[in-house]
Protein backbone atom coordinates (compact mmCIF):
# COMPACT_ATOMS: atom_id res chain seq x y z
CA UNK A 1 -10.34 30.73 -10.45
CA UNK A 2 -13.24 29.75 -12.70
CA UNK A 3 -11.80 26.32 -13.35
CA UNK A 4 -11.51 25.61 -9.63
CA UNK A 5 -14.85 27.31 -8.86
CA UNK A 6 -13.39 29.68 -6.25
CA UNK A 7 -14.34 33.24 -5.28
CA UNK A 8 -11.06 35.18 -5.27
CA UNK A 9 -12.30 37.50 -2.52
CA UNK A 10 -13.78 34.91 -0.16
CA UNK A 11 -11.87 31.72 -0.97
CA UNK A 12 -13.50 28.37 -0.41
CA UNK A 13 -16.27 27.85 2.08
CA UNK A 14 -15.48 25.57 5.00
CA UNK A 15 -17.97 23.01 3.74
CA UNK A 16 -16.48 23.07 0.22
CA UNK A 17 -12.98 22.64 1.68
CA UNK A 18 -14.21 19.61 3.68
CA UNK A 19 -15.88 18.19 0.59
CA UNK A 20 -12.69 18.58 -1.48
CA UNK A 21 -10.58 17.10 1.32
CA UNK A 22 -12.83 14.03 1.29
CA UNK A 23 -12.66 13.85 -2.52
CA UNK A 24 -8.91 14.48 -3.06
CA UNK A 25 -7.47 13.35 0.26
CA UNK A 26 -4.87 15.09 2.41
CA UNK A 27 -2.18 17.36 0.98
CA UNK A 28 0.64 14.96 1.82
CA UNK A 29 2.80 12.40 0.12
CA UNK A 30 2.07 8.83 1.07
CA UNK A 31 4.97 7.29 2.95
CA UNK A 32 5.80 3.65 2.62
CA UNK A 33 8.15 2.69 5.41
CA UNK A 34 10.06 -0.56 5.20
CA UNK A 35 10.81 -2.59 8.27
CA UNK A 36 14.39 -2.50 9.55
CA UNK A 37 14.91 -6.19 8.75
CA UNK A 38 13.73 -5.67 5.16
CA UNK A 39 16.13 -2.74 4.76
CA UNK A 40 19.01 -4.81 6.15
CA UNK A 41 18.15 -7.69 3.80
CA UNK A 42 18.46 -5.42 0.73
CA UNK A 43 22.20 -5.09 1.38
CA UNK A 44 22.58 -8.86 0.93
CA UNK A 45 20.42 -9.07 -2.19
CA UNK A 46 21.68 -8.21 -5.66
CA UNK A 47 24.36 -9.20 -8.16
CA UNK A 48 27.42 -8.07 -6.18
CA UNK A 49 26.34 -9.54 -2.83
CA UNK A 50 25.46 -12.76 -4.69
CA UNK A 51 28.98 -12.97 -6.09
CA UNK A 52 30.45 -12.49 -2.63
CA UNK A 53 28.03 -15.04 -1.17
CA UNK A 54 29.01 -17.48 -3.92
CA UNK A 55 32.67 -16.91 -3.00
CA UNK A 56 31.90 -17.75 0.63
CA UNK A 57 30.19 -20.97 -0.45
CA UNK A 58 33.14 -21.91 -2.67
CA UNK A 59 35.58 -21.23 0.16
CA UNK A 60 33.47 -23.45 2.40
CA UNK A 61 33.29 -26.23 -0.23
CA UNK A 62 37.08 -26.33 -0.66
CA UNK A 63 37.44 -26.19 3.13
CA UNK A 64 39.31 -22.87 3.09
CA UNK A 65 37.95 -21.81 6.48
CA UNK A 66 40.26 -18.82 6.75
CA UNK A 67 39.01 -17.45 3.43
CA UNK A 68 35.43 -18.28 4.38
CA UNK A 69 35.72 -16.30 7.64
CA UNK A 70 37.38 -13.31 5.97
CA UNK A 71 34.90 -13.15 3.07
CA UNK A 72 31.92 -13.61 5.41
CA UNK A 73 33.24 -10.91 7.75
CA UNK A 74 33.65 -8.50 4.83
CA UNK A 75 30.15 -9.31 3.57
CA UNK A 76 28.61 -8.70 7.00
CA UNK A 77 30.70 -5.54 7.51
CA UNK A 78 29.63 -4.17 4.11
CA UNK A 79 25.96 -4.94 4.79
CA UNK A 80 26.14 -3.42 8.28
CA UNK A 81 27.86 -0.28 6.99
CA UNK A 82 25.27 0.14 4.22
CA UNK A 83 22.46 -0.37 6.71
CA UNK A 84 23.96 2.24 9.09
CA UNK A 85 24.31 4.79 6.29
CA UNK A 86 20.73 4.17 5.18
CA UNK A 87 19.55 4.60 8.79
CA UNK A 88 21.45 7.90 9.15
CA UNK A 89 20.05 9.17 5.84
CA UNK A 90 16.49 8.28 6.94
CA UNK A 91 17.02 10.16 10.21
CA UNK A 92 18.28 13.22 8.31
CA UNK A 93 15.26 13.06 5.99
CA UNK A 94 12.89 12.85 8.97
CA UNK A 95 14.57 15.93 10.49
CA UNK A 96 14.09 17.83 7.22
CA UNK A 97 10.44 16.82 7.07
CA UNK A 98 9.99 18.11 10.61
CA UNK A 99 11.36 21.51 9.55
CA UNK A 100 8.73 21.92 6.81
CA UNK A 101 5.83 24.25 7.37
CA UNK A 102 3.09 22.40 9.23
CA UNK A 103 0.56 25.21 8.94
CA UNK A 104 -0.57 27.57 6.20
CA UNK A 105 -2.64 30.72 5.85
CA UNK A 106 -5.69 30.01 3.68
CA UNK A 107 -8.56 32.27 2.66
CA UNK A 108 -11.74 30.49 3.68
CA UNK A 109 -15.19 31.96 4.23
CA UNK A 110 -13.75 35.41 3.48
CA UNK A 111 -11.22 35.27 6.36
CA UNK A 112 -7.56 34.36 6.53
CA UNK A 113 -7.32 31.27 8.71
CA UNK A 114 -4.40 29.23 9.94
CA UNK A 115 -4.98 25.65 8.81
CA UNK A 116 -2.88 22.52 8.88
CA UNK A 117 -0.89 22.26 5.64
CA UNK A 118 -2.14 18.73 5.03
CA UNK A 119 -5.74 20.02 4.92
CA UNK A 120 -5.10 22.35 1.95
CA UNK A 121 -7.17 21.37 -1.08
CA UNK A 122 -7.30 22.31 -4.76
CA UNK A 123 -8.80 25.80 -4.98
CA UNK A 124 -7.46 27.06 -1.65
CA UNK A 125 -6.00 30.54 -1.84
CA UNK A 126 -2.89 30.64 0.34
CA UNK A 127 -0.74 33.47 1.62
CA UNK A 128 2.95 33.18 0.83
CA UNK A 129 5.49 35.15 2.83
CA UNK A 130 9.15 35.78 2.15
CA UNK A 131 11.68 35.26 4.88
CA UNK A 132 14.44 37.29 3.26
CA UNK A 133 15.73 40.30 5.12
CA UNK A 134 15.01 42.62 2.18
CA UNK A 135 11.47 41.26 1.76
CA UNK A 136 11.82 40.17 -1.87
CA UNK A 137 11.11 36.72 -3.17
CA UNK A 138 12.50 35.08 -6.28
């Protein structure tokens, strides 16, 4: 408590919490979202896709159009399937993020207040509750 300069009975003052929020930023991980086209492109970039793409070019050079069509179709199918799986995984991750606690109980100005979780700052005293039926936490 001394290190963070916090009164254990009153918590932070509202002004100190605002000051620390400005200094440290929000209590959230920075998200870097890629565009859908960039994500799709990653499935055609790398050593294995390059080998398949080289095979398509060789089939085209030797005028094996049947092989060219089959290899190209498999390349596009593989890229599309990878893109779809990535999209589904991103949707599942977004759903999990939505289930996280959006609010927290913090001791500020001597009172327990409900604040947005992303406004918690170093030195905040928070209330943690167990959701187990027997009331114990591990």
